[in-house]
C-alpha atoms as a PDB file:
ATOM      1  CA  UNK A   1     130.614-155.516 -59.260  1.00  0.00           C
ATOM      2  CA  UNK A   2     127.262-154.696 -60.881  1.00  0.00           C
ATOM      3  CA  UNK A   3     127.903-150.957 -60.843  1.00  0.00           C
ATOM      4  CA  UNK A   4     131.010-151.345 -62.961  1.00  0.00           C
ATOM      5  CA  UNK A   5     129.033-153.224 -65.555  1.00  0.00           C
ATOM      6  CA  UNK A   6     126.370-150.528 -65.679  1.00  0.00           C
ATOM      7  CA  UNK A   7     129.045-147.863 -65.946  1.00  0.00           C
ATOM      8  CA  UNK A   8     130.703-149.008 -69.114  1.00  0.00           C
ATOM      9  CA  UNK A   9     127.479-150.298 -70.573  1.00  0.00           C
ATOM     10  CA  UNK A  10     126.161-146.731 -70.603  1.00  0.00           C
ATOM     11  CA  UNK A  11     129.405-144.882 -71.230  1.00  0.00           C
ATOM     12  CA  UNK A  12     128.386-144.659 -74.878  1.00  0.00           C
ATOM     13  CA  UNK A  13     125.378-142.583 -73.856  1.00  0.00           C
ATOM     14  CA  UNK A  14     127.655-140.031 -72.210  1.00  0.00           C
ATOM     15  CA  UNK A  15     129.878-139.830 -75.237  1.00  0.00           C
ATOM     16  CA  UNK A  16     127.037-139.640 -77.700  1.00  0.00           C
ATOM     17  CA  UNK A  17     125.415-136.845 -75.723  1.00  0.00           C
ATOM     18  CA  UNK A  18     128.673-135.049 -75.071  1.00  0.00           C
ATOM     19  CA  UNK A  19     129.697-134.850 -78.693  1.00  0.00           C
ATOM     20  CA  UNK A  20     126.293-134.531 -80.317  1.00  0.00           C
ATOM     21  CA  UNK A  21     126.477-132.684 -83.602  1.00  0.00           C
ATOM     22  CA  UNK A  22     125.436-129.032 -83.485  1.00  0.00           C
ATOM     23  CA  UNK A  23     124.516-126.515 -86.123  1.00  0.00           C
ATOM     24  CA  UNK A  24     127.437-124.675 -87.671  1.00  0.00           C
ATOM     25  CA  UNK A  25     128.716-121.844 -85.470  1.00  0.00           C
ATOM     26  CA  UNK A  26     131.603-119.444 -85.660  1.00  0.00           C
ATOM     27  CA  UNK A  27     134.724-120.482 -83.785  1.00  0.00           C
ATOM     28  CA  UNK A  28     135.274-118.881 -80.411  1.00  0.00           C
ATOM     29  CA  UNK A  29     138.765-117.461 -80.450  1.00  0.00           C
ATOM     30  CA  UNK A  30     140.746-115.481 -77.930  1.00  0.00           C
ATOM     31  CA  UNK A  31     143.647-113.153 -78.509  1.00  0.00           C
ATOM     32  CA  UNK A  32     146.725-114.351 -76.684  1.00  0.00           C
ATOM     33  CA  UNK A  33     146.826-111.846 -73.851  1.00  0.00           C
ATOM     34  CA  UNK A  34     149.206-112.459 -70.993  1.00  0.00           C
ATOM     35  CA  UNK A  35     147.170-112.928 -67.830  1.00  0.00           C
ATOM     36  CA  UNK A  36     143.816-113.618 -69.509  1.00  0.00           C
ATOM     37  CA  UNK A  37     141.749-115.809 -67.205  1.00  0.00           C
ATOM     38  CA  UNK A  38     138.999-117.749 -69.016  1.00  0.00           C
ATOM     39  CA  UNK A  39     136.163-119.220 -66.965  1.00  0.00           C
ATOM     40  CA  UNK A  40     133.492-121.740 -67.936  1.00  0.00           C
ATOM     41  CA  UNK A  41     130.408-120.711 -65.943  1.00  0.00           C
ATOM     42  CA  UNK A  42     127.258-122.760 -65.417  1.00  0.00           C
ATOM     43  CA  UNK A  43     124.144-120.983 -64.121  1.00  0.00           C
ATOM     44  CA  UNK A  44     121.324-123.101 -62.688  1.00  0.00           C
ATOM     45  CA  UNK A  45     117.935-122.214 -61.285  1.00  0.00           C
ATOM     46  CA  UNK A  46     116.358-123.566 -58.109  1.00  0.00           C
ATOM     47  CA  UNK A  47     115.275-126.725 -59.940  1.00  0.00           C
ATOM     48  CA  UNK A  48     118.742-127.385 -61.331  1.00  0.00           C
ATOM     49  CA  UNK A  49     117.881-126.310 -64.883  1.00  0.00           C
ATOM     50  CA  UNK A  50     120.424-124.358 -66.908  1.00  0.00           C
ATOM     51  CA  UNK A  51     119.622-120.671 -67.332  1.00  0.00           C
ATOM     52  CA  UNK A  52     120.385-119.280 -70.783  1.00  0.00           C
ATOM     53  CA  UNK A  53     120.001-115.867 -72.360  1.00  0.00           C
ATOM     54  CA  UNK A  54     121.846-113.874 -69.710  1.00  0.00           C
ATOM     55  CA  UNK A  55     123.955-110.863 -70.666  1.00  0.00           C
ATOM     56  CA  UNK A  56     127.498-109.934 -69.692  1.00  0.00           C
ATOM     57  CA  UNK A  57     126.284-106.997 -67.609  1.00  0.00           C
ATOM     58  CA  UNK A  58     124.425-109.415 -65.342  1.00  0.00           C
ATOM     59  CA  UNK A  59     127.634-111.160 -64.257  1.00  0.00           C
ATOM     60  CA  UNK A  60     130.227-109.964 -61.761  1.00  0.00           C
ATOM     61  CA  UNK A  61     133.584-111.718 -61.414  1.00  0.00           C
ATOM     62  CA  UNK A  62     135.469-111.315 -58.157  1.00  0.00           C
ATOM     63  CA  UNK A  63     139.124-112.200 -57.785  1.00  0.00           C
ATOM     64  CA  UNK A  64     140.086-112.230 -54.115  1.00  0.00           C
ATOM     65  CA  UNK A  65     136.830-110.271 -53.622  1.00  0.00           C
ATOM     66  CA  UNK A  66     137.922-107.495 -56.005  1.00  0.00           C
ATOM     67  CA  UNK A  67     135.485-106.953 -58.955  1.00  0.00           C
ATOM     68  CA  UNK A  68     137.032-107.553 -62.385  1.00  0.00           C
ATOM     69  CA  UNK A  69     136.203-106.182 -65.827  1.00  0.00           C
ATOM     70  CA  UNK A  70     134.725-108.847 -68.123  1.00  0.00           C
ATOM     71  CA  UNK A  71     136.505-108.836 -71.489  1.00  0.00           C
ATOM     72  CA  UNK A  72     135.309-112.143 -72.950  1.00  0.00           C
ATOM     73  CA  UNK A  73     131.671-113.228 -72.934  1.00  0.00           C
ATOM     74  CA  UNK A  74     130.052-116.000 -74.962  1.00  0.00           C
ATOM     75  CA  UNK A  75     127.468-118.767 -74.695  1.00  0.00           C
ATOM     76  CA  UNK A  76     127.871-120.461 -78.036  1.00  0.00           C
ATOM     77  CA  UNK A  77     128.292-124.217 -78.326  1.00  0.00           C
ATOM     78  CA  UNK A  78     131.921-124.204 -79.439  1.00  0.00           C
ATOM     79  CA  UNK A  79     134.173-127.135 -80.348  1.00  0.00           C
ATOM     80  CA  UNK A  80     135.748-128.837 -77.352  1.00  0.00           C
ATOM     81  CA  UNK A  81     139.047-130.625 -76.726  1.00  0.00           C
ATOM     82  CA  UNK A  82     138.250-133.694 -74.652  1.00  0.00           C
ATOM     83  CA  UNK A  83     140.315-136.293 -72.892  1.00  0.00           C
ATOM     84  CA  UNK A  84     138.568-139.497 -71.897  1.00  0.00           C
ATOM     85  CA  UNK A  85     140.467-141.124 -69.005  1.00  0.00           C
ATOM     86  CA  UNK A  86     139.398-144.724 -68.443  1.00  0.00           C
ATOM     87  CA  UNK A  87     140.351-146.980 -65.563  1.00  0.00           C
ATOM     88  CA  UNK A  88     141.789-150.124 -67.111  1.00  0.00           C
ATOM     89  CA  UNK A  89     142.985-151.837 -63.950  1.00  0.00           C
ATOM     90  CA  UNK A  90     142.406-155.532 -63.440  1.00  0.00           C
ATOM     91  CA  UNK A  91     138.767-155.204 -62.415  1.00  0.00           C
ATOM     92  CA  UNK A  92     137.938-153.564 -65.764  1.00  0.00           C
ATOM     93  CA  UNK A  93     139.198-156.276 -68.101  1.00  0.00           C
ATOM     94  CA  UNK A  94     135.755-157.757 -68.760  1.00  0.00           C
ATOM     95  CA  UNK A  95     134.384-154.346 -69.809  1.00  0.00           C
ATOM     96  CA  UNK A  96     136.489-153.998 -72.979  1.00  0.00           C
ATOM     97  CA  UNK A  97     133.628-154.655 -75.464  1.00  0.00           C
ATOM     98  CA  UNK A  98     131.470-151.986 -73.840  1.00  0.00           C
ATOM     99  CA  UNK A  99     134.292-149.453 -73.982  1.00  0.00           C
ATOM    100  CA  UNK A 100     134.876-150.098 -77.689  1.00  0.00           C
ATOM    101  CA  UNK A 101     131.163-149.748 -78.375  1.00  0.00           C
ATOM    102  CA  UNK A 102     131.081-146.469 -76.448  1.00  0.00           C
ATOM    103  CA  UNK A 103     133.987-145.074 -78.468  1.00  0.00           C
ATOM    104  CA  UNK A 104     132.189-145.935 -81.712  1.00  0.00           C
ATOM    105  CA  UNK A 105     129.123-144.048 -80.477  1.00  0.00           C
ATOM    106  CA  UNK A 106     131.381-141.108 -79.718  1.00  0.00           C
ATOM    107  CA  UNK A 107     132.966-140.994 -83.150  1.00  0.00           C
ATOM    108  CA  UNK A 108     129.671-141.367 -85.006  1.00  0.00           C
ATOM    109  CA  UNK A 109     127.912-138.573 -83.137  1.00  0.00           C
ATOM    110  CA  UNK A 110     130.746-136.120 -82.443  1.00  0.00           C
ATOM    111  CA  UNK A 111     131.012-132.574 -83.682  1.00  0.00           C
ATOM    112  CA  UNK A 112     133.591-132.839 -86.508  1.00  0.00           C
ATOM    113  CA  UNK A 113     135.511-129.953 -84.968  1.00  0.00           C
ATOM    114  CA  UNK A 114     135.923-131.574 -81.559  1.00  0.00           C
ATOM    115  CA  UNK A 115     139.371-132.903 -80.671  1.00  0.00           C
ATOM    116  CA  UNK A 116     139.427-136.176 -78.746  1.00  0.00           C
ATOM    117  CA  UNK A 117     142.025-138.399 -77.131  1.00  0.00           C
ATOM    118  CA  UNK A 118     141.848-141.492 -74.962  1.00  0.00           C
ATOM    119  CA  UNK A 119     143.994-142.552 -72.016  1.00  0.00           C
ATOM    120  CA  UNK A 120     143.884-146.020 -70.511  1.00  0.00           C
ATOM    121  CA  UNK A 121     145.440-146.449 -67.134  1.00  0.00           C
ATOM    122  CA  UNK A 122     146.246-149.224 -64.740  1.00  0.00           C
ATOM    123  CA  UNK A 123     149.633-149.088 -62.970  1.00  0.00           C
ATOM    124  CA  UNK A 124     150.965-147.486 -66.168  1.00  0.00           C
ATOM    125  CA  UNK A 125     149.580-144.777 -68.470  1.00  0.00           C
ATOM    126  CA  UNK A 126     148.813-145.538 -72.108  1.00  0.00           C
ATOM    127  CA  UNK A 127     147.884-142.935 -74.730  1.00  0.00           C
ATOM    128  CA  UNK A 128     145.711-144.889 -77.081  1.00  0.00           C
ATOM    129  CA  UNK A 129     146.066-142.981 -80.356  1.00  0.00           C
ATOM    130  CA  UNK A 130     148.637-144.161 -82.835  1.00  0.00           C
ATOM    131  CA  UNK A 131     152.081-142.641 -82.689  1.00  0.00           C
ATOM    132  CA  UNK A 132     152.251-139.063 -83.956  1.00  0.00           C
ATOM    133  CA  UNK A 133     148.592-138.174 -83.394  1.00  0.00           C
ATOM    134  CA  UNK A 134     147.565-136.028 -80.443  1.00  0.00           C
ATOM    135  CA  UNK A 135     143.788-135.941 -81.090  1.00  0.00           C
ATOM    136  CA  UNK A 136     141.252-137.522 -83.406  1.00  0.00           C
ATOM    137  CA  UNK A 137     137.559-137.626 -84.264  1.00  0.00           C
ATOM    138  CA  UNK A 138     137.932-140.344 -86.876  1.00  0.00           C
ATOM    139  CA  UNK A 139     135.792-143.375 -86.065  1.00  0.00           C
ATOM    140  CA  UNK A 140     138.296-145.964 -87.285  1.00  0.00           C
ATOM    141  CA  UNK A 141     141.192-144.346 -85.440  1.00  0.00           C
ATOM    142  CA  UNK A 142     139.157-144.057 -82.277  1.00  0.00           C
ATOM    143  CA  UNK A 143     138.011-147.673 -82.485  1.00  0.00           C
ATOM    144  CA  UNK A 144     141.614-148.766 -82.868  1.00  0.00           C
ATOM    145  CA  UNK A 145     142.712-146.499 -80.026  1.00  0.00           C
ATOM    146  CA  UNK A 146     140.202-147.919 -77.589  1.00  0.00           C
ATOM    147  CA  UNK A 147     141.176-151.424 -78.681  1.00  0.00           C
ATOM    148  CA  UNK A 148     144.820-150.806 -77.810  1.00  0.00           C
ATOM    149  CA  UNK A 149     144.416-151.893 -74.206  1.00  0.00           C
ATOM    150  CA  UNK A 150     147.659-153.421 -72.966  1.00  0.00           C
ATOM    151  CA  UNK A 151     148.458-154.663 -69.500  1.00  0.00           C
ATOM    152  CA  UNK A 152     146.624-155.105 -66.229  1.00  0.00           C
ATOM    153  CA  UNK A 153     147.482-154.390 -62.656  1.00  0.00           C
ATOM    154  CA  UNK A 154     147.099-151.784 -59.959  1.00  0.00           C
ATOM    155  CA  UNK A 155     145.638-148.274 -60.334  1.00  0.00           C
ATOM    156  CA  UNK A 156     147.577-145.059 -61.110  1.00  0.00           C
ATOM    157  CA  UNK A 157     144.727-142.539 -61.184  1.00  0.00           C
ATOM    158  CA  UNK A 158     146.807-139.486 -60.268  1.00  0.00           C
ATOM    159  CA  UNK A 159     149.352-140.193 -62.986  1.00  0.00           C
ATOM    160  CA  UNK A 160     146.546-140.599 -65.531  1.00  0.00           C
ATOM    161  CA  UNK A 161     144.803-137.350 -64.589  1.00  0.00           C
ATOM    162  CA  UNK A 162     148.009-135.303 -64.664  1.00  0.00           C
ATOM    163  CA  UNK A 163     148.977-136.857 -67.998  1.00  0.00           C
ATOM    164  CA  UNK A 164     145.542-136.005 -69.378  1.00  0.00           C
ATOM    165  CA  UNK A 165     145.738-132.395 -68.195  1.00  0.00           C
ATOM    166  CA  UNK A 166     149.206-132.041 -69.650  1.00  0.00           C
ATOM    167  CA  UNK A 167     148.014-133.411 -73.001  1.00  0.00           C
ATOM    168  CA  UNK A 168     145.023-131.062 -73.070  1.00  0.00           C
ATOM    169  CA  UNK A 169     147.534-128.235 -72.887  1.00  0.00           C
ATOM    170  CA  UNK A 170     148.540-129.100 -76.454  1.00  0.00           C
ATOM    171  CA  UNK A 171     145.015-128.541 -77.793  1.00  0.00           C
ATOM    172  CA  UNK A 172     144.360-125.634 -80.128  1.00  0.00           C
ATOM    173  CA  UNK A 173     140.806-125.265 -78.841  1.00  0.00           C
ATOM    174  CA  UNK A 174     140.387-122.967 -75.826  1.00  0.00           C
ATOM    175  CA  UNK A 175     137.621-125.042 -74.218  1.00  0.00           C
ATOM    176  CA  UNK A 176     139.028-128.196 -72.661  1.00  0.00           C
ATOM    177  CA  UNK A 177     137.413-131.038 -70.748  1.00  0.00           C
ATOM    178  CA  UNK A 178     138.645-134.154 -68.975  1.00  0.00           C
ATOM    179  CA  UNK A 179     136.144-136.946 -68.289  1.00  0.00           C
ATOM    180  CA  UNK A 180     137.415-139.387 -65.671  1.00  0.00           C
ATOM    181  CA  UNK A 181     135.707-142.728 -65.120  1.00  0.00           C
ATOM    182  CA  UNK A 182     137.054-144.443 -62.021  1.00  0.00           C
ATOM    183  CA  UNK A 183     136.384-145.444 -58.431  1.00  0.00           C
ATOM    184  CA  UNK A 184     138.803-142.751 -57.222  1.00  0.00           C
ATOM    185  CA  UNK A 185     141.260-145.221 -55.740  1.00  0.00           C
ATOM    186  CA  UNK A 186     144.997-145.033 -56.355  1.00  0.00           C
ATOM    187  CA  UNK A 187     147.707-147.445 -55.284  1.00  0.00           C
ATOM    188  CA  UNK A 188     150.389-147.083 -57.965  1.00  0.00           C
ATOM    189  CA  UNK A 189     150.972-143.438 -58.981  1.00  0.00           C
ATOM    190  CA  UNK A 190     154.283-141.651 -58.877  1.00  0.00           C
ATOM    191  CA  UNK A 191     152.340-138.389 -58.552  1.00  0.00           C
ATOM    192  CA  UNK A 192     150.746-137.486 -55.245  1.00  0.00           C
ATOM    193  CA  UNK A 193     147.184-136.280 -54.721  1.00  0.00           C
ATOM    194  CA  UNK A 194     148.497-132.845 -53.767  1.00  0.00           C
ATOM    195  CA  UNK A 195     150.465-132.581 -57.030  1.00  0.00           C
ATOM    196  CA  UNK A 196     147.408-133.680 -58.995  1.00  0.00           C
ATOM    197  CA  UNK A 197     145.142-131.102 -57.360  1.00  0.00           C
ATOM    198  CA  UNK A 198     147.764-128.401 -57.885  1.00  0.00           C
ATOM    199  CA  UNK A 199     147.907-129.241 -61.588  1.00  0.00           C
ATOM    200  CA  UNK A 200     144.103-129.206 -61.835  1.00  0.00           C
ATOM    201  CA  UNK A 201     144.135-125.766 -60.219  1.00  0.00           C
ATOM    202  CA  UNK A 202     146.735-124.464 -62.671  1.00  0.00           C
ATOM    203  CA  UNK A 203     144.913-125.906 -65.699  1.00  0.00           C
ATOM    204  CA  UNK A 204     141.937-124.258 -67.417  1.00  0.00           C
ATOM    205  CA  UNK A 205     140.316-127.642 -68.043  1.00  0.00           C
ATOM    206  CA  UNK A 206     136.988-128.735 -66.623  1.00  0.00           C
ATOM    207  CA  UNK A 207     137.081-132.128 -64.949  1.00  0.00           C
ATOM    208  CA  UNK A 208     133.996-134.303 -64.811  1.00  0.00           C
ATOM    209  CA  UNK A 209     134.105-137.518 -62.824  1.00  0.00           C
ATOM    210  CA  UNK A 210     131.843-140.544 -62.858  1.00  0.00           C
ATOM    211  CA  UNK A 211     132.441-142.688 -59.807  1.00  0.00           C
ATOM    212  CA  UNK A 212     131.584-146.299 -60.522  1.00  0.00           C
ATOM    213  CA  UNK A 213     132.481-148.831 -57.867  1.00  0.00           C
ATOM    214  CA  UNK A 214     131.388-151.652 -55.645  1.00  0.00           C
ATOM    215  CA  UNK A 215     130.225-150.345 -52.263  1.00  0.00           C
ATOM    216  CA  UNK A 216     132.450-152.928 -50.592  1.00  0.00           C
ATOM    217  CA  UNK A 217     135.577-152.172 -52.645  1.00  0.00           C
ATOM    218  CA  UNK A 218     138.415-151.239 -50.310  1.00  0.00           C
ATOM    219  CA  UNK A 219     140.242-149.024 -52.818  1.00  0.00           C
ATOM    220  CA  UNK A 220     137.355-146.723 -53.705  1.00  0.00           C
ATOM    221  CA  UNK A 221     137.862-143.031 -52.876  1.00  0.00           C
ATOM    222  CA  UNK A 222     134.930-140.840 -53.948  1.00  0.00           C
ATOM    223  CA  UNK A 223     136.392-137.877 -52.063  1.00  0.00           C
ATOM    224  CA  UNK A 224     139.206-137.580 -54.620  1.00  0.00           C
ATOM    225  CA  UNK A 225     136.737-137.443 -57.496  1.00  0.00           C
ATOM    226  CA  UNK A 226     134.774-134.726 -55.696  1.00  0.00           C
ATOM    227  CA  UNK A 227     137.939-132.679 -55.159  1.00  0.00           C
ATOM    228  CA  UNK A 228     138.980-132.883 -58.809  1.00  0.00           C
ATOM    229  CA  UNK A 229     135.556-131.765 -60.016  1.00  0.00           C
ATOM    230  CA  UNK A 230     135.114-128.968 -57.501  1.00  0.00           C
ATOM    231  CA  UNK A 231     138.533-127.401 -57.961  1.00  0.00           C
ATOM    232  CA  UNK A 232     138.150-127.279 -61.747  1.00  0.00           C
ATOM    233  CA  UNK A 233     134.526-126.110 -61.968  1.00  0.00           C
ATOM    234  CA  UNK A 234     133.271-129.432 -63.304  1.00  0.00           C
ATOM    235  CA  UNK A 235     130.982-131.896 -61.548  1.00  0.00           C
ATOM    236  CA  UNK A 236     130.922-135.422 -60.141  1.00  0.00           C
ATOM    237  CA  UNK A 237     128.326-138.175 -60.270  1.00  0.00           C
ATOM    238  CA  UNK A 238     127.932-141.392 -58.324  1.00  0.00           C
ATOM    239  CA  UNK A 239     125.111-143.222 -60.113  1.00  0.00           C
ATOM    240  CA  UNK A 240     123.541-146.082 -58.197  1.00  0.00           C
ATOM    241  CA  UNK A 241     121.842-147.744 -61.107  1.00  0.00           C
ATOM    242  CA  UNK A 242     121.228-147.684 -64.832  1.00  0.00           C
ATOM    243  CA  UNK A 243     118.639-144.905 -64.698  1.00  0.00           C
ATOM    244  CA  UNK A 244     120.807-142.623 -62.577  1.00  0.00           C
ATOM    245  CA  UNK A 245     123.838-143.252 -64.760  1.00  0.00           C
ATOM    246  CA  UNK A 246     121.840-142.369 -67.857  1.00  0.00           C
ATOM    247  CA  UNK A 247     120.805-139.097 -66.261  1.00  0.00           C
ATOM    248  CA  UNK A 248     124.388-138.355 -65.217  1.00  0.00           C
ATOM    249  CA  UNK A 249     125.612-138.839 -68.780  1.00  0.00           C
ATOM    250  CA  UNK A 250     122.993-136.478 -70.160  1.00  0.00           C
ATOM    251  CA  UNK A 251     123.726-133.977 -67.410  1.00  0.00           C
ATOM    252  CA  UNK A 252     127.440-133.791 -68.187  1.00  0.00           C
ATOM    253  CA  UNK A 253     126.739-133.303 -71.883  1.00  0.00           C
ATOM    254  CA  UNK A 254     124.188-130.580 -71.183  1.00  0.00           C
ATOM    255  CA  UNK A 255     126.536-128.896 -68.721  1.00  0.00           C
ATOM    256  CA  UNK A 256     129.407-128.623 -71.187  1.00  0.00           C
ATOM    257  CA  UNK A 257     127.222-127.405 -74.036  1.00  0.00           C
ATOM    258  CA  UNK A 258     125.221-124.888 -71.955  1.00  0.00           C
ATOM    259  CA  UNK A 259     127.967-122.948 -70.197  1.00  0.00           C
ATOM    260  CA  UNK A 260     128.831-119.306 -70.503  1.00  0.00           C
ATOM    261  CA  UNK A 261     132.436-118.427 -71.229  1.00  0.00           C
ATOM    262  CA  UNK A 262     133.736-115.413 -69.322  1.00  0.00           C
ATOM    263  CA  UNK A 263     137.227-113.961 -69.462  1.00  0.00           C
ATOM    264  CA  UNK A 264     139.072-111.153 -67.734  1.00  0.00           C
ATOM    265  CA  UNK A 265     142.576-109.774 -67.288  1.00  0.00           C
ATOM    266  CA  UNK A 266     143.219-109.594 -63.537  1.00  0.00           C
ATOM    267  CA  UNK A 267     143.580-106.159 -62.015  1.00  0.00           C
ATOM    268  CA  UNK A 268     146.277-107.703 -59.833  1.00  0.00           C
ATOM    269  CA  UNK A 269     149.146-108.143 -62.292  1.00  0.00           C
ATOM    270  CA  UNK A 270     151.703-109.330 -59.734  1.00  0.00           C
ATOM    271  CA  UNK A 271     153.476-112.465 -60.942  1.00  0.00           C
ATOM    272  CA  UNK A 272     153.970-113.861 -57.472  1.00  0.00           C
ATOM    273  CA  UNK A 273     152.748-117.434 -57.918  1.00  0.00           C
ATOM    274  CA  UNK A 274     149.950-116.879 -55.403  1.00  0.00           C
ATOM    275  CA  UNK A 275     146.576-118.601 -55.378  1.00  0.00           C
ATOM    276  CA  UNK A 276     143.751-116.280 -56.446  1.00  0.00           C
ATOM    277  CA  UNK A 277     140.206-117.096 -55.337  1.00  0.00           C
ATOM    278  CA  UNK A 278     137.414-116.635 -57.881  1.00  0.00           C
ATOM    279  CA  UNK A 279     133.751-115.973 -57.253  1.00  0.00           C
ATOM    280  CA  UNK A 280     131.083-115.228 -59.872  1.00  0.00           C
ATOM    281  CA  UNK A 281     127.653-113.789 -59.137  1.00  0.00           C
ATOM    282  CA  UNK A 282     124.625-113.199 -61.370  1.00  0.00           C
ATOM    283  CA  UNK A 283     121.968-110.516 -61.041  1.00  0.00           C
ATOM    284  CA  UNK A 284     118.901-111.798 -62.906  1.00  0.00           C
ATOM    285  CA  UNK A 285     115.624-110.403 -61.491  1.00  0.00           C
ATOM    286  CA  UNK A 286     112.715-112.709 -62.057  1.00  0.00           C
ATOM    287  CA  UNK A 287     114.842-115.867 -62.280  1.00  0.00           C
ATOM    288  CA  UNK A 288     114.664-116.641 -58.566  1.00  0.00           C
ATOM    289  CA  UNK A 289     117.613-118.010 -56.625  1.00  0.00           C
ATOM    290  CA  UNK A 290     120.415-119.006 -58.960  1.00  0.00           C
ATOM    291  CA  UNK A 291     123.448-121.220 -58.429  1.00  0.00           C
ATOM    292  CA  UNK A 292     126.657-120.304 -60.237  1.00  0.00           C
ATOM    293  CA  UNK A 293     129.371-122.921 -60.711  1.00  0.00           C
ATOM    294  CA  UNK A 294     132.865-122.173 -61.989  1.00  0.00           C
ATOM    295  CA  UNK A 295     136.499-122.649 -61.038  1.00  0.00           C
ATOM    296  CA  UNK A 296     137.269-121.927 -57.396  1.00  0.00           C
ATOM    297  CA  UNK A 297     140.506-120.155 -58.304  1.00  0.00           C
ATOM    298  CA  UNK A 298     143.824-120.314 -60.148  1.00  0.00           C
ATOM    299  CA  UNK A 299     147.544-119.996 -59.577  1.00  0.00           C
ATOM    300  CA  UNK A 300     149.053-116.705 -60.726  1.00  0.00           C
ATOM    301  CA  UNK A 301     152.210-116.991 -62.849  1.00  0.00           C
ATOM    302  CA  UNK A 302     155.566-116.479 -61.212  1.00  0.00           C
ATOM    303  CA  UNK A 303     158.086-114.157 -62.821  1.00  0.00           C
END
């Protein structure tokens, strides 16, 4: 179980990097337009480095291969609503001190405008903030929230992810992220994998997954973590040691803080509940071959 120990021992690094304080910036706000599709877009060069300084005219958004008119464009480091979803099944009980330490690191280094919540899950789901609070960035509240670990048992990953996505829907901030730390296994959820993926598709949240598990664990399921990340436009990491986990933590933080935000109102205004595929390209002469990562699509509303 060495990998589990490394995972929570370095979770604080992820949180500290993810919520590192930034210089004061204007809030990114969107008018509430029916049908506005907002995309977080990461652009990477051949070496995997983030490419900054691009202009809106260099991007093309395709919905079902039809070009769309970009109406929102930004690359500022804006406040983020974040849900931290932590596997608290039986195998995690010895990691409680590391989790508490990680949460303290988070609170001490967070952007004061970030909104944070914590979910523990085993065979049940537990929102860790005190009753009546949806989000916090207060160090004492967060420490208490992480300390409110109750119960052990099997693993309800799908229930935890869907609960986290649903809770993110209450956030006032337009940029929303779910960080899932798990082995991907599930043996206790009332939700199915299909329902969970459907909800991830319908949500505008990015999902980042860190798969930490014993190679010989029967319940591990890295494929699920890959699916959640890919469908949402996030990323997944399977660190094999302390050094790789450290790099994964820094990478997630850099990813979230370096993205472009693009938005458009679809030319197809049919409210038919259909799945719309999204593709984004970048024309940046001199930058070489670029990789663009964003959501793979979304579900149109149904009238």
